Structure formats: C-alpha cells, structure tokens
Amino acid sequence: NSNSNIQSFDSAKKKLIEYKGSDIGISDINYKYCRDFISFLDGFKK
C-alpha cells in the first residue's frame, strides 16, 4: 500500500473502534455489525 492508502485504512479502523470498540473478534462480524456501521457513519459528526 501507498502511504495515503495506509492512512485510509487507519482512518477506517479508528471509525470502527469508535463504533464498537477495539476488542471486536473476527467471529463477531455479522450482518448487523456491518449494517449498523453504516448508520453510525451516517450520524457521525466531525
């Protein structure tokens, strides 16, 4: 990845941590987790 792409992944990771925390396991990722992430982003204010 380029530096800018690495930063993009890092920004997305930070949003996911703000959404449901940093301890989420791979097995916890279901449809509801993904769907509600969109709702979280839609209501997010900078």
ModelCIF file with pLDDT and N, C-alpha, C, O atoms, coordinates in Angstrom:
data_MODEL
#
_entry.id   MODEL 
#
_entity.id                         1 
_entity.type                       polymer 
_entity.pdbx_number_of_molecules   1 
#
_entity_poly.entity_id                      1 
_entity_poly.type                           'polypeptide(L)' 
_entity_poly.nstd_linkage                   no 
_entity_poly.nstd_monomer                   no 
_entity_poly.pdbx_seq_one_letter_code       NSNSNIQSFDSAKKKLIEYKGSDIGISDINYKYCRDFISFLDGFKK 
_entity_poly.pdbx_seq_one_letter_code_can   NSNSNIQSFDSAKKKLIEYKGSDIGISDINYKYCRDFISFLDGFKK 
_entity_poly.pdbx_strand_id                 A 
#
loop_
_entity_poly_seq.entity_id 
_entity_poly_seq.num 
_entity_poly_seq.mon_id 
_entity_poly_seq.hetero 
1 1  ASN n 
1 2  SER n 
1 3  ASN n 
1 4  SER n 
1 5  ASN n 
1 6  ILE n 
1 7  GLN n 
1 8  SER n 
1 9  PHE n 
1 10 ASP n 
1 11 SER n 
1 12 ALA n 
1 13 LYS n 
1 14 LYS n 
1 15 LYS n 
1 16 LEU n 
1 17 ILE n 
1 18 GLU n 
1 19 TYR n 
1 20 LYS n 
1 21 GLY n 
1 22 SER n 
1 23 ASP n 
1 24 ILE n 
1 25 GLY n 
1 26 ILE n 
1 27 SER n 
1 28 ASP n 
1 29 ILE n 
1 30 ASN n 
1 31 TYR n 
1 32 LYS n 
1 33 TYR n 
1 34 CYS n 
1 35 ARG n 
1 36 ASP n 
1 37 PHE n 
1 38 ILE n 
1 39 SER n 
1 40 PHE n 
1 41 LEU n 
1 42 ASP n 
1 43 GLY n 
1 44 PHE n 
1 45 LYS n 
1 46 LYS n 
#
_struct_asym.id          A 
_struct_asym.entity_id   1 
#
loop_
_ma_qa_metric.id 
_ma_qa_metric.mode 
_ma_qa_metric.name 
_ma_qa_metric.software_group_id 
_ma_qa_metric.type 
1 global pLDDT . pLDDT 
2 local  pLDDT . pLDDT 
#
_ma_qa_metric_global.metric_id      1 
_ma_qa_metric_global.metric_value   90.91 
_ma_qa_metric_global.model_id       1 
_ma_qa_metric_global.ordinal_id     1 
#
loop_
_ma_qa_metric_local.label_asym_id 
_ma_qa_metric_local.label_comp_id 
_ma_qa_metric_local.label_seq_id 
_ma_qa_metric_local.metric_id 
_ma_qa_metric_local.metric_value 
_ma_qa_metric_local.model_id 
_ma_qa_metric_local.ordinal_id 
A ASN 1  2 70.00 1 1  
A SER 2  2 68.00 1 2  
A ASN 3  2 70.00 1 3  
A SER 4  2 69.00 1 4  
A ASN 5  2 80.00 1 5  
A ILE 6  2 84.00 1 6  
A GLN 7  2 85.00 1 7  
A SER 8  2 87.00 1 8  
A PHE 9  2 92.00 1 9  
A ASP 10 2 93.00 1 10 
A SER 11 2 92.00 1 11 
A ALA 12 2 95.00 1 12 
A LYS 13 2 96.00 1 13 
A LYS 14 2 95.00 1 14 
A LYS 15 2 96.00 1 15 
A LEU 16 2 96.00 1 16 
A ILE 17 2 96.00 1 17 
A GLU 18 2 95.00 1 18 
A TYR 19 2 96.00 1 19 
A LYS 20 2 94.00 1 20 
A GLY 21 2 94.00 1 21 
A SER 22 2 93.00 1 22 
A ASP 23 2 93.00 1 23 
A ILE 24 2 93.00 1 24 
A GLY 25 2 92.00 1 25 
A ILE 26 2 93.00 1 26 
A SER 27 2 92.00 1 27 
A ASP 28 2 92.00 1 28 
A ILE 29 2 94.00 1 29 
A ASN 30 2 95.00 1 30 
A TYR 31 2 96.00 1 31 
A LYS 32 2 96.00 1 32 
A TYR 33 2 96.00 1 33 
A CYS 34 2 96.00 1 34 
A ARG 35 2 95.00 1 35 
A ASP 36 2 96.00 1 36 
A PHE 37 2 96.00 1 37 
A ILE 38 2 95.00 1 38 
A SER 39 2 94.00 1 39 
A PHE 40 2 96.00 1 40 
A LEU 41 2 95.00 1 41 
A ASP 42 2 93.00 1 42 
A GLY 43 2 92.00 1 43 
A PHE 44 2 93.00 1 44 
A LYS 45 2 88.00 1 45 
A LYS 46 2 85.00 1 46 
#
loop_
_atom_site.group_PDB 
_atom_site.id 
_atom_site.type_symbol 
_atom_site.label_atom_id 
_atom_site.label_alt_id 
_atom_site.label_comp_id 
_atom_site.label_asym_id 
_atom_site.label_entity_id 
_atom_site.label_seq_id 
_atom_site.pdbx_PDB_ins_code 
_atom_site.Cartn_x 
_atom_site.Cartn_y 
_atom_site.Cartn_z 
_atom_site.occupancy 
_atom_site.B_iso_or_equiv 
_atom_site.pdbx_formal_charge 
_atom_site.auth_seq_id 
_atom_site.auth_comp_id 
_atom_site.auth_asym_id 
_atom_site.auth_atom_id 
_atom_site.pdbx_PDB_model_num 
ATOM 1   N N  . ASN A 1 1  ? 0.827   -1.212  0.000  1.00 70.00 ? 1  ASN A N  1 
ATOM 2   C CA . ASN A 1 1  ? 0.000   0.000   0.000  1.00 70.00 ? 1  ASN A CA 1 
ATOM 3   C C  . ASN A 1 1  ? 0.858   1.257   0.000  1.00 70.00 ? 1  ASN A C  1 
ATOM 4   O O  . ASN A 1 1  ? 1.955   1.279   0.558  1.00 70.00 ? 1  ASN A O  1 
ATOM 5   N N  . SER A 1 2  ? 0.342   2.296   -0.632 1.00 68.00 ? 2  SER A N  1 
ATOM 6   C CA . SER A 1 2  ? 0.994   3.602   -0.562 1.00 68.00 ? 2  SER A CA 1 
ATOM 7   C C  . SER A 1 2  ? 0.751   4.193   0.821  1.00 68.00 ? 2  SER A C  1 
ATOM 8   O O  . SER A 1 2  ? -0.097  3.706   1.569  1.00 68.00 ? 2  SER A O  1 
ATOM 9   N N  . ASN A 1 3  ? 1.489   5.236   1.157  1.00 70.00 ? 3  ASN A N  1 
ATOM 10  C CA . ASN A 1 3  ? 1.307   5.888   2.452  1.00 70.00 ? 3  ASN A CA 1 
ATOM 11  C C  . ASN A 1 3  ? -0.110  6.415   2.609  1.00 70.00 ? 3  ASN A C  1 
ATOM 12  O O  . ASN A 1 3  ? -0.700  6.308   3.684  1.00 70.00 ? 3  ASN A O  1 
ATOM 13  N N  . SER A 1 4  ? -0.661  6.988   1.535  1.00 69.00 ? 4  SER A N  1 
ATOM 14  C CA . SER A 1 4  ? -2.014  7.544   1.609  1.00 69.00 ? 4  SER A CA 1 
ATOM 15  C C  . SER A 1 4  ? -3.046  6.442   1.813  1.00 69.00 ? 4  SER A C  1 
ATOM 16  O O  . SER A 1 4  ? -4.037  6.648   2.512  1.00 69.00 ? 4  SER A O  1 
ATOM 17  N N  . ASN A 1 5  ? -2.827  5.267   1.208  1.00 80.00 ? 5  ASN A N  1 
ATOM 18  C CA . ASN A 1 5  ? -3.773  4.162   1.364  1.00 80.00 ? 5  ASN A CA 1 
ATOM 19  C C  . ASN A 1 5  ? -3.694  3.574   2.776  1.00 80.00 ? 5  ASN A C  1 
ATOM 20  O O  . ASN A 1 5  ? -4.710  3.189   3.355  1.00 80.00 ? 5  ASN A O  1 
ATOM 21  N N  . ILE A 1 6  ? -2.480  3.512   3.319  1.00 84.00 ? 6  ILE A N  1 
ATOM 22  C CA . ILE A 1 6  ? -2.308  3.048   4.700  1.00 84.00 ? 6  ILE A CA 1 
ATOM 23  C C  . ILE A 1 6  ? -3.057  3.974   5.656  1.00 84.00 ? 6  ILE A C  1 
ATOM 24  O O  . ILE A 1 6  ? -3.704  3.517   6.599  1.00 84.00 ? 6  ILE A O  1 
ATOM 25  N N  . GLN A 1 7  ? -2.963  5.275   5.403  1.00 85.00 ? 7  GLN A N  1 
ATOM 26  C CA . GLN A 1 7  ? -3.669  6.242   6.237  1.00 85.00 ? 7  GLN A CA 1 
ATOM 27  C C  . GLN A 1 7  ? -5.177  6.086   6.112  1.00 85.00 ? 7  GLN A C  1 
ATOM 28  O O  . GLN A 1 7  ? -5.907  6.296   7.080  1.00 85.00 ? 7  GLN A O  1 
ATOM 29  N N  . SER A 1 8  ? -5.654  5.713   4.905  1.00 87.00 ? 8  SER A N  1 
ATOM 30  C CA . SER A 1 8  ? -7.089  5.491   4.696  1.00 87.00 ? 8  SER A CA 1 
ATOM 31  C C  . SER A 1 8  ? -7.571  4.302   5.512  1.00 87.00 ? 8  SER A C  1 
ATOM 32  O O  . SER A 1 8  ? -8.640  4.353   6.121  1.00 87.00 ? 8  SER A O  1 
ATOM 33  N N  . PHE A 1 9  ? -6.776  3.222   5.525  1.00 92.00 ? 9  PHE A N  1 
ATOM 34  C CA . PHE A 1 9  ? -7.119  2.048   6.332  1.00 92.00 ? 9  PHE A CA 1 
ATOM 35  C C  . PHE A 1 9  ? -7.121  2.416   7.821  1.00 92.00 ? 9  PHE A C  1 
ATOM 36  O O  . PHE A 1 9  ? -7.982  1.966   8.577  1.00 92.00 ? 9  PHE A O  1 
ATOM 37  N N  . ASP A 1 10 ? -6.152  3.233   8.229  1.00 93.00 ? 10 ASP A N  1 
ATOM 38  C CA . ASP A 1 10 ? -6.051  3.638   9.628  1.00 93.00 ? 10 ASP A CA 1 
ATOM 39  C C  . ASP A 1 10 ? -7.257  4.476   10.036 1.00 93.00 ? 10 ASP A C  1 
ATOM 40  O O  . ASP A 1 10 ? -7.770  4.331   11.145 1.00 93.00 ? 10 ASP A O  1 
ATOM 41  N N  . SER A 1 11 ? -7.712  5.354   9.139  1.00 92.00 ? 11 SER A N  1 
ATOM 42  C CA . SER A 1 11 ? -8.882  6.192   9.425  1.00 92.00 ? 11 SER A CA 1 
ATOM 43  C C  . SER A 1 11 ? -10.134 5.339   9.571  1.00 92.00 ? 11 SER A C  1 
ATOM 44  O O  . SER A 1 11 ? -10.954 5.572   10.459 1.00 92.00 ? 11 SER A O  1 
ATOM 45  N N  . ALA A 1 12 ? -10.276 4.339   8.685  1.00 95.00 ? 12 ALA A N  1 
ATOM 46  C CA . ALA A 1 12 ? -11.432 3.437   8.757  1.00 95.00 ? 12 ALA A CA 1 
ATOM 47  C C  . ALA A 1 12 ? -11.396 2.631   10.055 1.00 95.00 ? 12 ALA A C  1 
ATOM 48  O O  . ALA A 1 12 ? -12.430 2.425   10.690 1.00 95.00 ? 12 ALA A O  1 
ATOM 49  N N  . LYS A 1 13 ? -10.213 2.180   10.442 1.00 96.00 ? 13 LYS A N  1 
ATOM 50  C CA . LYS A 1 13 ? -10.050 1.425   11.689 1.00 96.00 ? 13 LYS A CA 1 
ATOM 51  C C  . LYS A 1 13 ? -10.463 2.280   12.888 1.00 96.00 ? 13 LYS A C  1 
ATOM 52  O O  . LYS A 1 13 ? -11.139 1.791   13.793 1.00 96.00 ? 13 LYS A O  1 
ATOM 53  N N  . LYS A 1 14 ? -10.065 3.540   12.900 1.00 95.00 ? 14 LYS A N  1 
ATOM 54  C CA . LYS A 1 14 ? -10.424 4.437   14.006 1.00 95.00 ? 14 LYS A CA 1 
ATOM 55  C C  . LYS A 1 14 ? -11.935 4.607   14.100 1.00 95.00 ? 14 LYS A C  1 
ATOM 56  O O  . LYS A 1 14 ? -12.494 4.650   15.196 1.00 95.00 ? 14 LYS A O  1 
ATOM 57  N N  . LYS A 1 15 ? -12.602 4.703   12.934 1.00 96.00 ? 15 LYS A N  1 
ATOM 58  C CA . LYS A 1 15 ? -14.063 4.836   12.936 1.00 96.00 ? 15 LYS A CA 1 
ATOM 59  C C  . LYS A 1 15 ? -14.715 3.566   13.474 1.00 96.00 ? 15 LYS A C  1 
ATOM 60  O O  . LYS A 1 15 ? -15.686 3.636   14.227 1.00 96.00 ? 15 LYS A O  1 
ATOM 61  N N  . LEU A 1 16 ? -14.189 2.415   13.092 1.00 96.00 ? 16 LEU A N  1 
ATOM 62  C CA . LEU A 1 16 ? -14.732 1.144   13.576 1.00 96.00 ? 16 LEU A CA 1 
ATOM 63  C C  . LEU A 1 16 ? -14.544 1.002   15.091 1.00 96.00 ? 16 LEU A C  1 
ATOM 64  O O  . LEU A 1 16 ? -15.411 0.468   15.783 1.00 96.00 ? 16 LEU A O  1 
ATOM 65  N N  . ILE A 1 17 ? -13.411 1.482   15.594 1.00 96.00 ? 17 ILE A N  1 
ATOM 66  C CA . ILE A 1 17 ? -13.162 1.425   17.044 1.00 96.00 ? 17 ILE A CA 1 
ATOM 67  C C  . ILE A 1 17 ? -14.114 2.371   17.778 1.00 96.00 ? 17 ILE A C  1 
ATOM 68  O O  . ILE A 1 17 ? -14.619 2.038   18.851 1.00 96.00 ? 17 ILE A O  1 
ATOM 69  N N  . GLU A 1 18 ? -14.357 3.554   17.197 1.00 95.00 ? 18 GLU A N  1 
ATOM 70  C CA . GLU A 1 18 ? -15.330 4.477   17.796 1.00 95.00 ? 18 GLU A CA 1 
ATOM 71  C C  . GLU A 1 18 ? -16.726 3.864   17.782 1.00 95.00 ? 18 GLU A C  1 
ATOM 72  O O  . GLU A 1 18 ? -17.543 4.132   18.663 1.00 95.00 ? 18 GLU A O  1 
ATOM 73  N N  . TYR A 1 19 ? -16.985 3.053   16.787 1.00 96.00 ? 19 TYR A N  1 
ATOM 74  C CA . TYR A 1 19 ? -18.306 2.429   16.609 1.00 96.00 ? 19 TYR A CA 1 
ATOM 75  C C  . TYR A 1 19 ? -18.575 1.343   17.645 1.00 96.00 ? 19 TYR A C  1 
ATOM 76  O O  . TYR A 1 19 ? -19.597 1.384   18.331 1.00 96.00 ? 19 TYR A O  1 
ATOM 77  N N  . LYS A 1 20 ? -17.673 0.374   17.767 1.00 94.00 ? 20 LYS A N  1 
ATOM 78  C CA . LYS A 1 20 ? -17.936 -0.765  18.654 1.00 94.00 ? 20 LYS A CA 1 
ATOM 79  C C  . LYS A 1 20 ? -16.734 -1.187  19.512 1.00 94.00 ? 20 LYS A C  1 
ATOM 80  O O  . LYS A 1 20 ? -16.747 -2.266  20.105 1.00 94.00 ? 20 LYS A O  1 
ATOM 81  N N  . GLY A 1 21 ? -15.704 -0.349  19.578 1.00 94.00 ? 21 GLY A N  1 
ATOM 82  C CA . GLY A 1 21 ? -14.567 -0.680  20.416 1.00 94.00 ? 21 GLY A CA 1 
ATOM 83  C C  . GLY A 1 21 ? -13.499 -1.488  19.691 1.00 94.00 ? 21 GLY A C  1 
ATOM 84  O O  . GLY A 1 21 ? -13.689 -1.912  18.551 1.00 94.00 ? 21 GLY A O  1 
ATOM 85  N N  . SER A 1 22 ? -12.379 -1.692  20.367 1.00 93.00 ? 22 SER A N  1 
ATOM 86  C CA . SER A 1 22 ? -11.209 -2.321  19.749 1.00 93.00 ? 22 SER A CA 1 
ATOM 87  C C  . SER A 1 22 ? -11.117 -3.822  20.000 1.00 93.00 ? 22 SER A C  1 
ATOM 88  O O  . SER A 1 22 ? -10.235 -4.483  19.453 1.00 93.00 ? 22 SER A O  1 
ATOM 89  N N  . ASP A 1 23 ? -12.015 -4.372  20.819 1.00 93.00 ? 23 ASP A N  1 
ATOM 90  C CA . ASP A 1 23 ? -11.911 -5.784  21.198 1.00 93.00 ? 23 ASP A CA 1 
ATOM 91  C C  . ASP A 1 23 ? -12.796 -6.706  20.367 1.00 93.00 ? 23 ASP A C  1 
ATOM 92  O O  . ASP A 1 23 ? -12.984 -7.871  20.716 1.00 93.00 ? 23 ASP A O  1 
ATOM 93  N N  . ILE A 1 24 ? -13.333 -6.190  19.281 1.00 93.00 ? 24 ILE A N  1 
ATOM 94  C CA . ILE A 1 24 ? -14.208 -6.992  18.425 1.00 93.00 ? 24 ILE A CA 1 
ATOM 95  C C  . ILE A 1 24 ? -13.420 -8.157  17.819 1.00 93.00 ? 24 ILE A C  1 
ATOM 96  O O  . ILE A 1 24 ? -12.338 -7.967  17.263 1.00 93.00 ? 24 ILE A O  1 
ATOM 97  N N  . GLY A 1 25 ? -13.978 -9.362  17.935 1.00 92.00 ? 25 GLY A N  1 
ATOM 98  C CA . GLY A 1 25 ? -13.344 -10.524 17.326 1.00 92.00 ? 25 GLY A CA 1 
ATOM 99  C C  . GLY A 1 25 ? -13.829 -10.724 15.903 1.00 92.00 ? 25 GLY A C  1 
ATOM 100 O O  . GLY A 1 25 ? -14.896 -10.235 15.532 1.00 92.00 ? 25 GLY A O  1 
ATOM 101 N N  . ILE A 1 26 ? -13.057 -11.433 15.113 1.00 93.00 ? 26 ILE A N  1 
ATOM 102 C CA . ILE A 1 26 ? -13.455 -11.716 13.733 1.00 93.00 ? 26 ILE A CA 1 
ATOM 103 C C  . ILE A 1 26 ? -14.802 -12.437 13.711 1.00 93.00 ? 26 ILE A C  1 
ATOM 104 O O  . ILE A 1 26 ? -15.633 -12.180 12.840 1.00 93.00 ? 26 ILE A O  1 
ATOM 105 N N  . SER A 1 27 ? -15.014 -13.331 14.661 1.00 92.00 ? 27 SER A N  1 
ATOM 106 C CA . SER A 1 27 ? -16.269 -14.098 14.703 1.00 92.00 ? 27 SER A CA 1 
ATOM 107 C C  . SER A 1 27 ? -17.471 -13.233 15.083 1.00 92.00 ? 27 SER A C  1 
ATOM 108 O O  . SER A 1 27 ? -18.614 -13.661 14.921 1.00 92.00 ? 27 SER A O  1 
ATOM 109 N N  . ASP A 1 28 ? -17.223 -12.013 15.588 1.00 92.00 ? 28 ASP A N  1 
ATOM 110 C CA . ASP A 1 28 ? -18.322 -11.115 15.967 1.00 92.00 ? 28 ASP A CA 1 
ATOM 111 C C  . ASP A 1 28 ? -18.879 -10.343 14.783 1.00 92.00 ? 28 ASP A C  1 
ATOM 112 O O  . ASP A 1 28 ? -19.917 -9.692  14.902 1.00 92.00 ? 28 ASP A O  1 
ATOM 113 N N  . ILE A 1 29 ? -18.204 -10.407 13.645 1.00 94.00 ? 29 ILE A N  1 
ATOM 114 C CA . ILE A 1 29 ? -18.616 -9.625  12.479 1.00 94.00 ? 29 ILE A CA 1 
ATOM 115 C C  . ILE A 1 29 ? -19.764 -10.342 11.767 1.00 94.00 ? 29 ILE A C  1 
ATOM 116 O O  . ILE A 1 29 ? -19.560 -11.340 11.076 1.00 94.00 ? 29 ILE A O  1 
ATOM 117 N N  . ASN A 1 30 ? -20.973 -9.810  11.953 1.00 95.00 ? 30 ASN A N  1 
ATOM 118 C CA . ASN A 1 30 ? -22.139 -10.363 11.273 1.00 95.00 ? 30 ASN A CA 1 
ATOM 119 C C  . ASN A 1 30 ? -22.831 -9.268  10.464 1.00 95.00 ? 30 ASN A C  1 
ATOM 120 O O  . ASN A 1 30 ? -22.344 -8.141  10.376 1.00 95.00 ? 30 ASN A O  1 
ATOM 121 N N  . TYR A 1 31 ? -23.957 -9.615  9.885  1.00 96.00 ? 31 TYR A N  1 
ATOM 122 C CA . TYR A 1 31 ? -24.673 -8.640  9.046  1.00 96.00 ? 31 TYR A CA 1 
ATOM 123 C C  . TYR A 1 31 ? -25.066 -7.401  9.844  1.00 96.00 ? 31 TYR A C  1 
ATOM 124 O O  . TYR A 1 31 ? -24.935 -6.280  9.351  1.00 96.00 ? 31 TYR A O  1 
ATOM 125 N N  . LYS A 1 32 ? -25.546 -7.592  11.073 1.00 96.00 ? 32 LYS A N  1 
ATOM 126 C CA . LYS A 1 32 ? -25.979 -6.449  11.895 1.00 96.00 ? 32 LYS A CA 1 
ATOM 127 C C  . LYS A 1 32 ? -24.814 -5.512  12.193 1.00 96.00 ? 32 LYS A C  1 
ATOM 128 O O  . LYS A 1 32 ? -24.968 -4.291  12.145 1.00 96.00 ? 32 LYS A O  1 
ATOM 129 N N  . TYR A 1 33 ? -23.643 -6.082  12.501 1.00 96.00 ? 33 TYR A N  1 
ATOM 130 C CA . TYR A 1 33 ? -22.461 -5.261  12.761 1.00 96.00 ? 33 TYR A CA 1 
ATOM 131 C C  . TYR A 1 33 ? -22.166 -4.373  11.548 1.00 96.00 ? 33 TYR A C  1 
ATOM 132 O O  . TYR A 1 33 ? -21.899 -3.180  11.695 1.00 96.00 ? 33 TYR A O  1 
ATOM 133 N N  . CYS A 1 34 ? -22.216 -4.959  10.358 1.00 96.00 ? 34 CYS A N  1 
ATOM 134 C CA . CYS A 1 34 ? -21.903 -4.226  9.132  1.00 96.00 ? 34 CYS A CA 1 
ATOM 135 C C  . CYS A 1 34 ? -22.982 -3.192  8.816  1.00 96.00 ? 34 CYS A C  1 
ATOM 136 O O  . CYS A 1 34 ? -22.683 -2.046  8.480  1.00 96.00 ? 34 CYS A O  1 
ATOM 137 N N  . ARG A 1 35 ? -24.245 -3.618  8.930  1.00 95.00 ? 35 ARG A N  1 
ATOM 138 C CA . ARG A 1 35 ? -25.356 -2.704  8.618  1.00 95.00 ? 35 ARG A CA 1 
ATOM 139 C C  . ARG A 1 35 ? -25.368 -1.497  9.539  1.00 95.00 ? 35 ARG A C  1 
ATOM 140 O O  . ARG A 1 35 ? -25.542 -0.365  9.086  1.00 95.00 ? 35 ARG A O  1 
ATOM 141 N N  . ASP A 1 36 ? -25.182 -1.736  10.831 1.00 96.00 ? 36 ASP A N  1 
ATOM 142 C CA . ASP A 1 36 ? -25.256 -0.647  11.802 1.00 96.00 ? 36 ASP A CA 1 
ATOM 143 C C  . ASP A 1 36 ? -24.036 0.267   11.741 1.00 96.00 ? 36 ASP A C  1 
ATOM 144 O O  . ASP A 1 36 ? -24.089 1.405   12.207 1.00 96.00 ? 36 ASP A O  1 
ATOM 145 N N  . PHE A 1 37 ? -22.932 -0.229  11.167 1.00 96.00 ? 37 PHE A N  1 
ATOM 146 C CA . PHE A 1 37 ? -21.765 0.640   10.963 1.00 96.00 ? 37 PHE A CA 1 
ATOM 147 C C  . PHE A 1 37 ? -22.123 1.768   10.000 1.00 96.00 ? 37 PHE A C  1 
ATOM 148 O O  . PHE A 1 37 ? -21.678 2.902   10.177 1.00 96.00 ? 37 PHE A O  1 
ATOM 149 N N  . ILE A 1 38 ? -22.931 1.458   8.979  1.00 95.00 ? 38 ILE A N  1 
ATOM 150 C CA . ILE A 1 38 ? -23.389 2.497   8.044  1.00 95.00 ? 38 ILE A CA 1 
ATOM 151 C C  . ILE A 1 38 ? -24.219 3.542   8.787  1.00 95.00 ? 38 ILE A C  1 
ATOM 152 O O  . ILE A 1 38 ? -24.048 4.741   8.570  1.00 95.00 ? 38 ILE A O  1 
ATOM 153 N N  . SER A 1 39 ? -25.119 3.089   9.665  1.00 94.00 ? 39 SER A N  1 
ATOM 154 C CA . SER A 1 39 ? -25.944 4.023   10.444 1.00 94.00 ? 39 SER A CA 1 
ATOM 155 C C  . SER A 1 39 ? -25.076 4.901   11.343 1.00 94.00 ? 39 SER A C  1 
ATOM 156 O O  . SER A 1 39 ? -25.329 6.096   11.496 1.00 94.00 ? 39 SER A O  1 
ATOM 157 N N  . PHE A 1 40 ? -24.042 4.284   11.938 1.00 96.00 ? 40 PHE A N  1 
ATOM 158 C CA . PHE A 1 40 ? -23.108 5.042   12.788 1.00 96.00 ? 40 PHE A CA 1 
ATOM 159 C C  . PHE A 1 40 ? -22.410 6.132   11.978 1.00 96.00 ? 40 PHE A C  1 
ATOM 160 O O  . PHE A 1 40 ? -22.319 7.278   12.420 1.00 96.00 ? 40 PHE A O  1 
ATOM 161 N N  . LEU A 1 41 ? -21.921 5.774   10.801 1.00 95.00 ? 41 LEU A N  1 
ATOM 162 C CA . LEU A 1 41 ? -21.218 6.739   9.951  1.00 95.00 ? 41 LEU A CA 1 
ATOM 163 C C  . LEU A 1 41 ? -22.158 7.841   9.472  1.00 95.00 ? 41 LEU A C  1 
ATOM 164 O O  . LEU A 1 41 ? -21.774 9.007   9.389  1.00 95.00 ? 41 LEU A O  1 
ATOM 165 N N  . ASP A 1 42 ? -23.384 7.460   9.163  1.00 93.00 ? 42 ASP A N  1 
ATOM 166 C CA . ASP A 1 42 ? -24.356 8.430   8.666  1.00 93.00 ? 42 ASP A CA 1 
ATOM 167 C C  . ASP A 1 42 ? -24.689 9.483   9.715  1.00 93.00 ? 42 ASP A C  1 
ATOM 168 O O  . ASP A 1 42 ? -24.987 10.629  9.378  1.00 93.00 ? 42 ASP A O  1 
ATOM 169 N N  . GLY A 1 43 ? -24.638 9.090   10.996 1.00 92.00 ? 43 GLY A N  1 
ATOM 170 C CA . GLY A 1 43 ? -24.950 10.035  12.064 1.00 92.00 ? 43 GLY A CA 1 
ATOM 171 C C  . GLY A 1 43 ? -23.726 10.685  12.689 1.00 92.00 ? 43 GLY A C  1 
ATOM 172 O O  . GLY A 1 43 ? -23.851 11.515  13.590 1.00 92.00 ? 43 GLY A O  1 
ATOM 173 N N  . PHE A 1 44 ? -22.541 10.308  12.212 1.00 93.00 ? 44 PHE A N  1 
ATOM 174 C CA . PHE A 1 44 ? -21.292 10.814  12.801 1.00 93.00 ? 44 PHE A CA 1 
ATOM 175 C C  . PHE A 1 44 ? -21.101 12.295  12.486 1.00 93.00 ? 44 PHE A C  1 
ATOM 176 O O  . PHE A 1 44 ? -21.331 12.736  11.360 1.00 93.00 ? 44 PHE A O  1 
ATOM 177 N N  . LYS A 1 45 ? -20.678 13.054  13.494 1.00 88.00 ? 45 LYS A N  1 
ATOM 178 C CA . LYS A 1 45 ? -20.386 14.474  13.287 1.00 88.00 ? 45 LYS A CA 1 
ATOM 179 C C  . LYS A 1 45 ? -18.913 14.747  13.589 1.00 88.00 ? 45 LYS A C  1 
ATOM 180 O O  . LYS A 1 45 ? -18.381 14.301  14.606 1.00 88.00 ? 45 LYS A O  1 
ATOM 181 N N  . LYS A 1 46 ? -18.275 15.476  12.701 1.00 85.00 ? 46 LYS A N  1 
ATOM 182 C CA . LYS A 1 46 ? -16.871 15.841  12.886 1.00 85.00 ? 46 LYS A CA 1 
ATOM 183 C C  . LYS A 1 46 ? -16.758 16.954  13.926 1.00 85.00 ? 46 LYS A C  1 
ATOM 184 O O  . LYS A 1 46 ? -15.653 17.407  14.228 1.00 85.00 ? 46 LYS A O  1 
#
